[in-house]
């Protein structure tokens, strides 16, 4: 079963996809968040070509576990997404995923201008991998 991970952003949405065994997350691409119709069109293409059966969307939480304004935006995004795509959607704690993605890219000596291009899809892969790691062994 292939699973798609989404790192929600106001400017860009990072996408990652699992392997066919559902064990490893791979960064896929980032898609501009606006216009939303264009984002949905690209997302539907990815769902179809990758044969996605589940979508995981990162849900931001504060360090104390509470939800802030960003979480409200993500919940609104998930509600709109649910009307436009067939696979079920789950949210997953994304605390520090973007910071972790930046650390990984810095450690890999990725230049700052290049990091901006890949941080969103890397964050999506981190969120998705966290979800995959939480699943019981098959």
Protein backbone atom coordinates (compact mmCIF):
# COMPACT_ATOMS: atom_id res chain seq x y z
CA UNK A 1 0.00 0.00 0.00
CA UNK A 2 1.45 3.34 -1.03
CA UNK A 3 1.01 6.26 1.36
CA UNK A 4 1.41 9.93 0.48
CA UNK A 5 2.77 12.41 3.01
CA UNK A 6 1.98 16.12 2.79
CA UNK A 7 3.79 18.93 4.59
CA UNK A 8 1.23 21.76 4.48
CA UNK A 9 2.54 25.25 3.89
CA UNK A 10 1.03 28.57 2.94
CA UNK A 11 3.39 28.93 -0.04
CA UNK A 12 4.41 25.34 -0.87
CA UNK A 13 3.16 21.86 -0.10
CA UNK A 14 5.84 19.22 0.27
CA UNK A 15 5.00 15.73 -0.98
CA UNK A 16 6.58 12.40 -0.13
CA UNK A 17 5.53 8.86 -0.97
CA UNK A 18 6.18 5.51 0.66
CA UNK A 19 7.65 2.54 -1.12
CA UNK A 20 5.26 -0.24 -2.11
CA UNK A 21 5.95 -2.13 1.11
CA UNK A 22 5.04 0.90 3.22
CA UNK A 23 8.39 0.88 4.99
CA UNK A 24 10.35 3.85 3.62
CA UNK A 25 9.34 7.42 2.81
CA UNK A 26 10.87 9.13 -0.20
CA UNK A 27 10.76 12.89 -0.87
CA UNK A 28 8.80 13.46 -4.06
CA UNK A 29 8.30 17.14 -4.91
CA UNK A 30 6.89 20.41 -3.73
CA UNK A 31 3.83 22.00 -5.28
CA UNK A 32 2.82 25.67 -4.96
CA UNK A 33 -0.06 25.98 -2.49
CA UNK A 34 -1.86 28.58 -4.62
CA UNK A 35 -3.88 28.50 -6.69
CA UNK A 36 -5.53 25.70 -4.73
CA UNK A 37 -7.22 24.26 -7.84
CA UNK A 38 -3.83 23.79 -9.51
CA UNK A 39 -2.48 22.15 -6.36
CA UNK A 40 -5.45 19.74 -6.33
CA UNK A 41 -4.94 18.89 -10.00
CA UNK A 42 -1.29 18.01 -9.39
CA UNK A 43 -2.16 16.10 -6.22
CA UNK A 44 -4.77 14.03 -8.05
CA UNK A 45 -2.17 13.18 -10.72
CA UNK A 46 0.26 12.01 -8.03
CA UNK A 47 -2.44 9.95 -6.30
CA UNK A 48 -3.33 8.27 -9.59
CA UNK A 49 0.20 7.62 -10.89
CA UNK A 50 1.61 6.47 -7.54
CA UNK A 51 -1.55 4.49 -6.68
CA UNK A 52 -1.87 6.16 -3.28
CA UNK A 53 -4.26 4.49 -0.82
CA UNK A 54 -3.79 6.75 2.22
CA UNK A 55 -2.74 10.36 2.76
CA UNK A 56 -0.90 11.59 5.87
CA UNK A 57 -0.95 15.35 6.48
CA UNK A 58 1.39 16.90 9.02
CA UNK A 59 -0.52 18.62 11.83
CA UNK A 60 1.51 21.28 13.65
CA UNK A 61 1.44 21.26 17.41
CA UNK A 62 3.05 23.52 19.95
CA UNK A 63 5.84 22.05 22.03
CA UNK A 64 3.41 21.62 24.95
CA UNK A 65 1.14 19.52 22.71
CA UNK A 66 -1.53 22.19 22.24
CA UNK A 67 -2.85 23.32 18.86
CA UNK A 68 -2.36 26.83 17.51
CA UNK A 69 -3.53 28.85 14.50
CA UNK A 70 -1.43 26.79 12.07
CA UNK A 71 -3.25 23.63 13.15
CA UNK A 72 -6.60 25.28 12.41
CA UNK A 73 -5.40 26.05 8.86
CA UNK A 74 -4.27 22.45 8.40
CA UNK A 75 -7.63 21.13 9.61
CA UNK A 76 -9.40 23.41 7.12
CA UNK A 77 -7.03 22.14 4.40
CA UNK A 78 -7.77 18.51 5.32
CA UNK A 79 -11.53 19.19 5.18
CA UNK A 80 -11.19 20.72 1.68
CA UNK A 81 -8.89 17.90 0.59
CA UNK A 82 -11.35 15.24 1.75
CA UNK A 83 -13.93 16.61 -0.69
CA UNK A 84 -11.50 16.44 -3.63
CA UNK A 85 -9.61 13.13 -3.30
CA UNK A 86 -10.63 9.50 -2.84
CA UNK A 87 -8.01 8.10 -0.41
CA UNK A 88 -8.68 8.51 3.31
CA UNK A 89 -6.72 11.25 5.08
CA UNK A 90 -5.09 11.13 8.51
CA UNK A 91 -3.22 13.86 10.35
CA UNK A 92 0.10 13.22 12.04
CA UNK A 93 2.13 15.24 14.55
CA UNK A 94 4.72 17.22 12.62
CA UNK A 95 6.51 18.99 15.44
CA UNK A 96 9.97 20.09 14.34
CA UNK A 97 9.80 18.30 10.97
CA UNK A 98 10.91 21.38 9.02
CA UNK A 99 13.71 22.06 11.52
CA UNK A 100 14.82 18.44 11.26
CA UNK A 101 14.70 18.62 7.45
CA UNK A 102 16.89 21.73 7.52
CA UNK A 103 19.39 20.04 9.85
CA UNK A 104 19.62 17.02 7.53
CA UNK A 105 20.16 19.24 4.51
CA UNK A 106 22.78 21.37 6.28
CA UNK A 107 24.62 18.22 7.39
CA UNK A 108 24.57 17.09 3.75
CA UNK A 109 26.20 20.42 2.75
CA UNK A 110 23.21 21.49 0.65
CA UNK A 111 23.53 25.18 -0.23
CA UNK A 112 21.00 27.58 1.28
CA UNK A 113 19.32 28.46 -2.04
CA UNK A 114 18.97 24.74 -2.88
CA UNK A 115 17.64 23.95 0.64
CA UNK A 116 14.66 26.23 0.02
CA UNK A 117 13.77 24.06 -2.98
CA UNK A 118 13.91 20.74 -1.13
CA UNK A 119 13.06 21.43 2.53
CA UNK A 120 9.29 21.02 2.04
CA UNK A 121 9.48 17.62 0.36
CA UNK A 122 12.11 16.52 2.91
CA UNK A 123 9.79 17.60 5.76
CA UNK A 124 6.97 15.61 4.11
CA UNK A 125 9.26 12.56 4.03
CA UNK A 126 10.12 13.01 7.72
CA UNK A 127 6.42 13.26 8.65
CA UNK A 128 5.58 10.20 6.55
CA UNK A 129 8.52 8.18 7.89
CA UNK A 130 7.44 8.98 11.45
CA UNK A 131 3.98 7.64 10.64
CA UNK A 132 5.39 4.52 8.94
CA UNK A 133 7.68 3.85 11.92
CA UNK A 134 4.67 3.95 14.25
CA UNK A 135 2.89 1.12 12.42
CA UNK A 136 3.11 -2.40 13.82
CA UNK A 137 5.24 -4.83 11.78
CA UNK A 138 3.29 -6.57 9.04
